[in-house]
Amino acid sequence: QVQLVESGGGLVQAGGSLRLSCAASGRFFSINVMGWYRQAPGKQRELVASITRGGSTNYADSVKGRFTISRDNAQNTVYLQMNSLKPEDTAVYYCNGREAPVFGSRNYWGQGTQVTVSS
């Protein structure tokens, strides 16, 4: 089992920055890909960014050049640095961890953290 706990959300003005953190405990060694997803009211949950254990990253087109995902394997923590925030970035942000196939490919989710960007 893996437990994920997000922190760092809040209220910020458009153009501002926030840094989200996701602390993992448990079988973190089994996790290959870590990601951040978001869900705005009335919309489906969408991938924002992901990073593999080796450091390869992937971003949604809407956040490229503004958001940066990183991970500290020694600290079992994943970060999402969000710059130049826009009102449309307002959503609940969820941390996700996906196990490598050899460990069962289970998906783990955090409880979510609210990000609100005011115009």
N, C-alpha and C. Protein backbone atom coordinates (compact mmCIF):
# COMPACT_ATOMS: atom_id res chain seq x y z
N GLN A 1 0.83 -1.20 0.00
CA GLN A 1 0.00 0.00 0.00
C GLN A 1 0.87 1.25 0.00
N VAL A 2 0.34 2.28 -0.64
CA VAL A 2 1.01 3.57 -0.68
C VAL A 2 0.02 4.63 -0.24
N GLN A 3 0.44 5.54 0.60
CA GLN A 3 -0.40 6.65 1.02
C GLN A 3 0.21 7.94 0.47
N LEU A 4 -0.66 8.78 -0.06
CA LEU A 4 -0.23 10.04 -0.66
C LEU A 4 -0.95 11.19 0.03
N VAL A 5 -0.19 12.20 0.41
CA VAL A 5 -0.77 13.37 1.09
C VAL A 5 -0.29 14.63 0.40
N GLU A 6 -1.25 15.39 -0.14
CA GLU A 6 -0.91 16.63 -0.83
C GLU A 6 -0.94 17.81 0.15
N SER A 7 -0.19 18.84 -0.21
CA SER A 7 -0.21 20.10 0.52
C SER A 7 0.21 21.21 -0.41
N GLY A 8 -0.07 22.45 0.00
CA GLY A 8 0.41 23.59 -0.76
C GLY A 8 -0.64 24.33 -1.56
N GLY A 9 -1.86 23.85 -1.58
CA GLY A 9 -2.90 24.57 -2.30
C GLY A 9 -3.29 25.85 -1.59
N GLY A 10 -4.13 26.63 -2.25
CA GLY A 10 -4.58 27.87 -1.64
C GLY A 10 -5.17 28.81 -2.66
N LEU A 11 -5.31 30.06 -2.24
CA LEU A 11 -5.87 31.12 -3.08
C LEU A 11 -4.75 32.03 -3.54
N VAL A 12 -4.71 32.30 -4.83
CA VAL A 12 -3.67 33.17 -5.39
C VAL A 12 -4.27 34.00 -6.51
N GLN A 13 -3.69 35.17 -6.72
CA GLN A 13 -4.15 36.01 -7.83
C GLN A 13 -3.57 35.52 -9.14
N ALA A 14 -4.26 35.83 -10.21
CA ALA A 14 -3.77 35.49 -11.55
C ALA A 14 -2.36 36.05 -11.72
N GLY A 15 -1.50 35.23 -12.32
CA GLY A 15 -0.11 35.61 -12.49
C GLY A 15 0.79 35.17 -11.36
N GLY A 16 0.20 34.72 -10.29
CA GLY A 16 0.97 34.28 -9.13
C GLY A 16 1.46 32.85 -9.25
N SER A 17 2.07 32.38 -8.18
CA SER A 17 2.67 31.05 -8.16
C SER A 17 2.25 30.28 -6.91
N LEU A 18 2.23 28.97 -7.06
CA LEU A 18 2.04 28.06 -5.94
C LEU A 18 2.91 26.84 -6.17
N ARG A 19 3.28 26.19 -5.07
CA ARG A 19 4.03 24.93 -5.16
C ARG A 19 3.27 23.87 -4.38
N LEU A 20 2.88 22.83 -5.08
CA LEU A 20 2.21 21.71 -4.45
C LEU A 20 3.23 20.63 -4.11
N SER A 21 2.99 19.96 -2.99
CA SER A 21 3.83 18.85 -2.58
C SER A 21 2.97 17.62 -2.37
N CYS A 22 3.55 16.47 -2.64
CA CYS A 22 2.87 15.20 -2.42
C CYS A 22 3.86 14.28 -1.72
N ALA A 23 3.56 14.01 -0.46
CA ALA A 23 4.43 13.14 0.34
C ALA A 23 3.87 11.72 0.33
N ALA A 24 4.73 10.78 0.01
CA ALA A 24 4.31 9.38 -0.07
C ALA A 24 4.89 8.58 1.08
N SER A 25 4.12 7.63 1.53
CA SER A 25 4.60 6.69 2.55
C SER A 25 4.16 5.30 2.14
N GLY A 26 4.79 4.31 2.73
CA GLY A 26 4.47 2.94 2.37
C GLY A 26 5.43 2.43 1.30
N ARG A 27 4.89 1.66 0.38
CA ARG A 27 5.70 1.00 -0.63
C ARG A 27 6.04 1.94 -1.79
N PHE A 28 6.67 3.06 -1.47
CA PHE A 28 6.99 4.02 -2.52
C PHE A 28 7.90 3.43 -3.57
N PHE A 29 8.70 2.43 -3.17
CA PHE A 29 9.62 1.83 -4.12
C PHE A 29 8.88 1.16 -5.28
N SER A 30 7.61 0.82 -5.07
CA SER A 30 6.84 0.16 -6.12
C SER A 30 6.27 1.13 -7.16
N ILE A 31 6.35 2.42 -6.85
CA ILE A 31 5.75 3.42 -7.72
C ILE A 31 6.71 3.79 -8.84
N ASN A 32 6.23 3.70 -10.07
CA ASN A 32 7.05 4.07 -11.21
C ASN A 32 6.73 5.49 -11.69
N VAL A 33 5.45 5.76 -11.89
CA VAL A 33 5.05 7.06 -12.41
C VAL A 33 4.25 7.81 -11.34
N MET A 34 4.65 9.05 -11.12
CA MET A 34 3.90 9.95 -10.24
C MET A 34 3.30 11.05 -11.09
N GLY A 35 2.11 11.46 -10.74
CA GLY A 35 1.48 12.51 -11.54
C GLY A 35 0.59 13.42 -10.72
N TRP A 36 0.29 14.54 -11.32
CA TRP A 36 -0.70 15.47 -10.77
C TRP A 36 -1.87 15.55 -11.74
N TYR A 37 -3.05 15.39 -11.20
CA TYR A 37 -4.29 15.54 -11.95
C TYR A 37 -5.07 16.69 -11.32
N ARG A 38 -6.05 17.20 -12.07
CA ARG A 38 -6.92 18.22 -11.51
C ARG A 38 -8.34 18.01 -12.00
N GLN A 39 -9.26 18.49 -11.18
CA GLN A 39 -10.66 18.39 -11.54
C GLN A 39 -11.37 19.67 -11.15
N ALA A 40 -11.88 20.36 -12.15
CA ALA A 40 -12.65 21.58 -11.94
C ALA A 40 -14.12 21.22 -11.82
N PRO A 41 -14.91 22.06 -11.19
CA PRO A 41 -16.35 21.76 -11.05
C PRO A 41 -17.01 21.50 -12.39
N GLY A 42 -17.74 20.40 -12.48
CA GLY A 42 -18.45 20.08 -13.70
C GLY A 42 -17.60 19.52 -14.82
N LYS A 43 -16.32 19.28 -14.53
CA LYS A 43 -15.42 18.76 -15.57
C LYS A 43 -14.81 17.44 -15.12
N GLN A 44 -14.29 16.71 -16.09
CA GLN A 44 -13.63 15.45 -15.79
C GLN A 44 -12.23 15.71 -15.24
N ARG A 45 -11.77 14.75 -14.48
CA ARG A 45 -10.40 14.83 -13.97
C ARG A 45 -9.43 14.70 -15.15
N GLU A 46 -8.41 15.55 -15.16
CA GLU A 46 -7.47 15.53 -16.27
C GLU A 46 -6.04 15.49 -15.76
N LEU A 47 -5.18 14.91 -16.57
CA LEU A 47 -3.76 14.86 -16.23
C LEU A 47 -3.15 16.24 -16.43
N VAL A 48 -2.40 16.68 -15.45
CA VAL A 48 -1.67 17.94 -15.55
C VAL A 48 -0.21 17.69 -15.92
N ALA A 49 0.42 16.79 -15.18
CA ALA A 49 1.83 16.48 -15.43
C ALA A 49 2.16 15.15 -14.78
N SER A 50 3.16 14.47 -15.34
CA SER A 50 3.61 13.22 -14.76
C SER A 50 5.11 13.12 -14.87
N ILE A 51 5.68 12.26 -14.03
CA ILE A 51 7.13 12.07 -14.04
C ILE A 51 7.42 10.63 -13.67
N THR A 52 8.34 10.02 -14.40
CA THR A 52 8.73 8.65 -14.11
C THR A 52 9.83 8.63 -13.05
N ARG A 53 10.11 7.44 -12.55
CA ARG A 53 11.17 7.31 -11.56
C ARG A 53 12.50 7.79 -12.13
N GLY A 54 12.66 7.61 -13.44
CA GLY A 54 13.89 8.03 -14.08
C GLY A 54 13.95 9.52 -14.40
N GLY A 55 12.81 10.21 -14.21
CA GLY A 55 12.82 11.65 -14.41
C GLY A 55 12.19 12.14 -15.71
N SER A 56 11.67 11.25 -16.53
CA SER A 56 11.00 11.69 -17.75
C SER A 56 9.67 12.33 -17.39
N THR A 57 9.40 13.46 -18.04
CA THR A 57 8.20 14.23 -17.70
C THR A 57 7.24 14.34 -18.88
N ASN A 58 6.00 14.61 -18.55
CA ASN A 58 4.96 14.80 -19.54
C ASN A 58 4.01 15.86 -19.00
N TYR A 59 3.58 16.79 -19.86
CA TYR A 59 2.71 17.89 -19.43
C TYR A 59 1.50 18.03 -20.34
N ALA A 60 0.40 18.44 -19.77
CA ALA A 60 -0.74 18.85 -20.57
C ALA A 60 -0.36 20.11 -21.34
N ASP A 61 -0.90 20.24 -22.54
CA ASP A 61 -0.57 21.41 -23.35
C ASP A 61 -0.92 22.71 -22.64
N SER A 62 -1.96 22.69 -21.86
CA SER A 62 -2.45 23.91 -21.21
C SER A 62 -1.50 24.44 -20.13
N VAL A 63 -0.55 23.60 -19.68
CA VAL A 63 0.34 24.05 -18.60
C VAL A 63 1.80 24.07 -19.02
N LYS A 64 2.10 23.64 -20.23
CA LYS A 64 3.48 23.63 -20.69
C LYS A 64 4.09 25.03 -20.61
N GLY A 65 5.30 25.09 -20.08
CA GLY A 65 5.98 26.36 -19.95
C GLY A 65 5.62 27.12 -18.70
N ARG A 66 4.59 26.68 -17.98
CA ARG A 66 4.18 27.36 -16.75
C ARG A 66 4.35 26.47 -15.51
N PHE A 67 4.12 25.17 -15.66
CA PHE A 67 4.20 24.24 -14.54
C PHE A 67 5.44 23.36 -14.70
N THR A 68 6.00 22.96 -13.57
CA THR A 68 7.13 22.05 -13.57
C THR A 68 6.92 20.99 -12.51
N ILE A 69 7.01 19.73 -12.93
CA ILE A 69 6.90 18.62 -12.00
C ILE A 69 8.30 18.10 -11.69
N SER A 70 8.51 17.72 -10.43
CA SER A 70 9.79 17.15 -10.05
C SER A 70 9.55 16.14 -8.93
N ARG A 71 10.53 15.29 -8.72
CA ARG A 71 10.39 14.31 -7.66
C ARG A 71 11.71 14.13 -6.93
N ASP A 72 11.61 13.86 -5.67
CA ASP A 72 12.76 13.57 -4.84
C ASP A 72 12.57 12.16 -4.33
N ASN A 73 13.21 11.19 -4.98
CA ASN A 73 13.01 9.79 -4.62
C ASN A 73 13.52 9.49 -3.20
N ALA A 74 14.54 10.19 -2.80
CA ALA A 74 15.09 9.97 -1.46
C ALA A 74 14.10 10.42 -0.38
N GLN A 75 13.32 11.48 -0.69
CA GLN A 75 12.36 12.03 0.26
C GLN A 75 10.94 11.53 0.01
N ASN A 76 10.78 10.67 -1.02
CA ASN A 76 9.46 10.14 -1.37
C ASN A 76 8.44 11.28 -1.59
N THR A 77 8.87 12.29 -2.30
CA THR A 77 8.03 13.47 -2.48
C THR A 77 8.03 13.91 -3.94
N VAL A 78 6.87 14.35 -4.39
CA VAL A 78 6.72 14.89 -5.73
C VAL A 78 6.20 16.33 -5.60
N TYR A 79 6.69 17.19 -6.45
CA TYR A 79 6.31 18.60 -6.40
C TYR A 79 5.69 19.04 -7.73
N LEU A 80 4.87 20.05 -7.64
CA LEU A 80 4.36 20.71 -8.83
C LEU A 80 4.50 22.21 -8.61
N GLN A 81 5.46 22.80 -9.31
CA GLN A 81 5.65 24.24 -9.26
C GLN A 81 4.76 24.87 -10.33
N MET A 82 3.87 25.74 -9.89
CA MET A 82 2.91 26.35 -10.80
C MET A 82 3.15 27.85 -10.85
N ASN A 83 3.54 28.34 -12.02
CA ASN A 83 3.80 29.76 -12.22
C ASN A 83 2.80 30.33 -13.22
N SER A 84 2.71 31.63 -13.24
CA SER A 84 1.82 32.33 -14.18
C SER A 84 0.42 31.73 -14.15
N LEU A 85 -0.10 31.56 -12.97
CA LEU A 85 -1.39 30.91 -12.81
C LEU A 85 -2.51 31.74 -13.43
N LYS A 86 -3.49 31.01 -13.96
CA LYS A 86 -4.64 31.61 -14.62
C LYS A 86 -5.91 31.16 -13.89
N PRO A 87 -6.98 31.94 -14.00
CA PRO A 87 -8.24 31.51 -13.36
C PRO A 87 -8.68 30.12 -13.80
N GLU A 88 -8.39 29.75 -15.04
CA GLU A 88 -8.79 28.44 -15.52
C GLU A 88 -7.97 27.30 -14.92
N ASP A 89 -6.95 27.62 -14.14
CA ASP A 89 -6.21 26.60 -13.40
C ASP A 89 -6.92 26.23 -12.10
N THR A 90 -7.96 26.94 -11.76
CA THR A 90 -8.71 26.66 -10.54
C THR A 90 -9.31 25.26 -10.58
N ALA A 91 -9.00 24.47 -9.58
CA ALA A 91 -9.45 23.07 -9.53
C ALA A 91 -8.97 22.44 -8.23
N VAL A 92 -9.46 21.24 -7.98
CA VAL A 92 -8.86 20.41 -6.94
C VAL A 92 -7.75 19.60 -7.61
N TYR A 93 -6.57 19.66 -7.05
CA TYR A 93 -5.42 18.97 -7.60
C TYR A 93 -5.15 17.70 -6.79
N TYR A 94 -4.99 16.60 -7.52
CA TYR A 94 -4.79 15.29 -6.90
C TYR A 94 -3.43 14.73 -7.28
N CYS A 95 -2.77 14.17 -6.31
CA CYS A 95 -1.53 13.45 -6.55
C CYS A 95 -1.87 12.00 -6.87
N ASN A 96 -1.16 11.45 -7.82
CA ASN A 96 -1.39 10.06 -8.24
C ASN A 96 -0.07 9.30 -8.30
N GLY A 97 -0.11 8.06 -7.89
CA GLY A 97 1.04 7.19 -8.02
C GLY A 97 0.62 5.89 -8.67
N ARG A 98 1.37 5.48 -9.67
CA ARG A 98 1.04 4.24 -10.36
C ARG A 98 2.19 3.25 -10.20
N GLU A 99 1.83 2.07 -9.73
CA GLU A 99 2.85 1.05 -9.52
C GLU A 99 3.40 0.53 -10.84
N ALA A 100 4.62 0.09 -10.80
CA ALA A 100 5.20 -0.60 -11.95
C ALA A 100 4.46 -1.92 -12.15
N PRO A 101 4.38 -2.41 -13.39
CA PRO A 101 3.63 -3.65 -13.66
C PRO A 101 4.08 -4.82 -12.79
N VAL A 102 5.35 -4.91 -12.51
CA VAL A 102 5.85 -6.03 -11.73
C VAL A 102 5.27 -6.04 -10.32
N PHE A 103 4.80 -4.89 -9.85
CA PHE A 103 4.22 -4.79 -8.51
C PHE A 103 2.70 -4.79 -8.53
N GLY A 104 2.09 -4.81 -9.72
CA GLY A 104 0.65 -4.92 -9.78
C GLY A 104 -0.08 -3.79 -10.47
N SER A 105 0.63 -2.72 -10.84
CA SER A 105 0.04 -1.61 -11.60
C SER A 105 -1.13 -0.94 -10.88
N ARG A 106 -1.15 -0.98 -9.57
CA ARG A 106 -2.24 -0.30 -8.85
C ARG A 106 -2.05 1.21 -8.92
N ASN A 107 -3.19 1.91 -8.85
CA ASN A 107 -3.20 3.36 -8.82
C ASN A 107 -3.53 3.83 -7.41
N TYR A 108 -2.79 4.81 -6.94
CA TYR A 108 -3.05 5.40 -5.64
C TYR A 108 -3.33 6.89 -5.81
N TRP A 109 -4.23 7.41 -4.97
CA TRP A 109 -4.62 8.82 -5.05
C TRP A 109 -4.52 9.48 -3.68
N GLY A 110 -4.16 10.75 -3.70
CA GLY A 110 -4.24 11.56 -2.51
C GLY A 110 -5.64 12.10 -2.34
N GLN A 111 -5.83 12.86 -1.28
CA GLN A 111 -7.18 13.37 -0.97
C GLN A 111 -7.52 14.64 -1.73
N GLY A 112 -6.53 15.25 -2.34
CA GLY A 112 -6.76 16.46 -3.13
C GLY A 112 -6.49 17.73 -2.34
N THR A 113 -6.07 18.75 -3.07
CA THR A 113 -5.86 20.06 -2.47
C THR A 113 -6.43 21.12 -3.42
N GLN A 114 -7.15 22.07 -2.86
CA GLN A 114 -7.84 23.08 -3.66
C GLN A 114 -6.87 24.18 -4.08
N VAL A 115 -6.90 24.50 -5.36
CA VAL A 115 -6.18 25.65 -5.89
C VAL A 115 -7.20 26.60 -6.51
N THR A 116 -7.21 27.82 -6.05
CA THR A 116 -8.14 28.82 -6.55
C THR A 116 -7.35 30.02 -7.04
N VAL A 117 -7.57 30.38 -8.30
CA VAL A 117 -6.87 31.52 -8.90
C VAL A 117 -7.90 32.60 -9.20
N SER A 118 -7.75 33.74 -8.58
CA SER A 118 -8.68 34.84 -8.78
C SER A 118 -8.20 35.76 -9.89
N SER A 119 -9.15 36.32 -10.59
CA SER A 119 -8.80 37.21 -11.72
C SER A 119 -8.63 38.64 -11.26
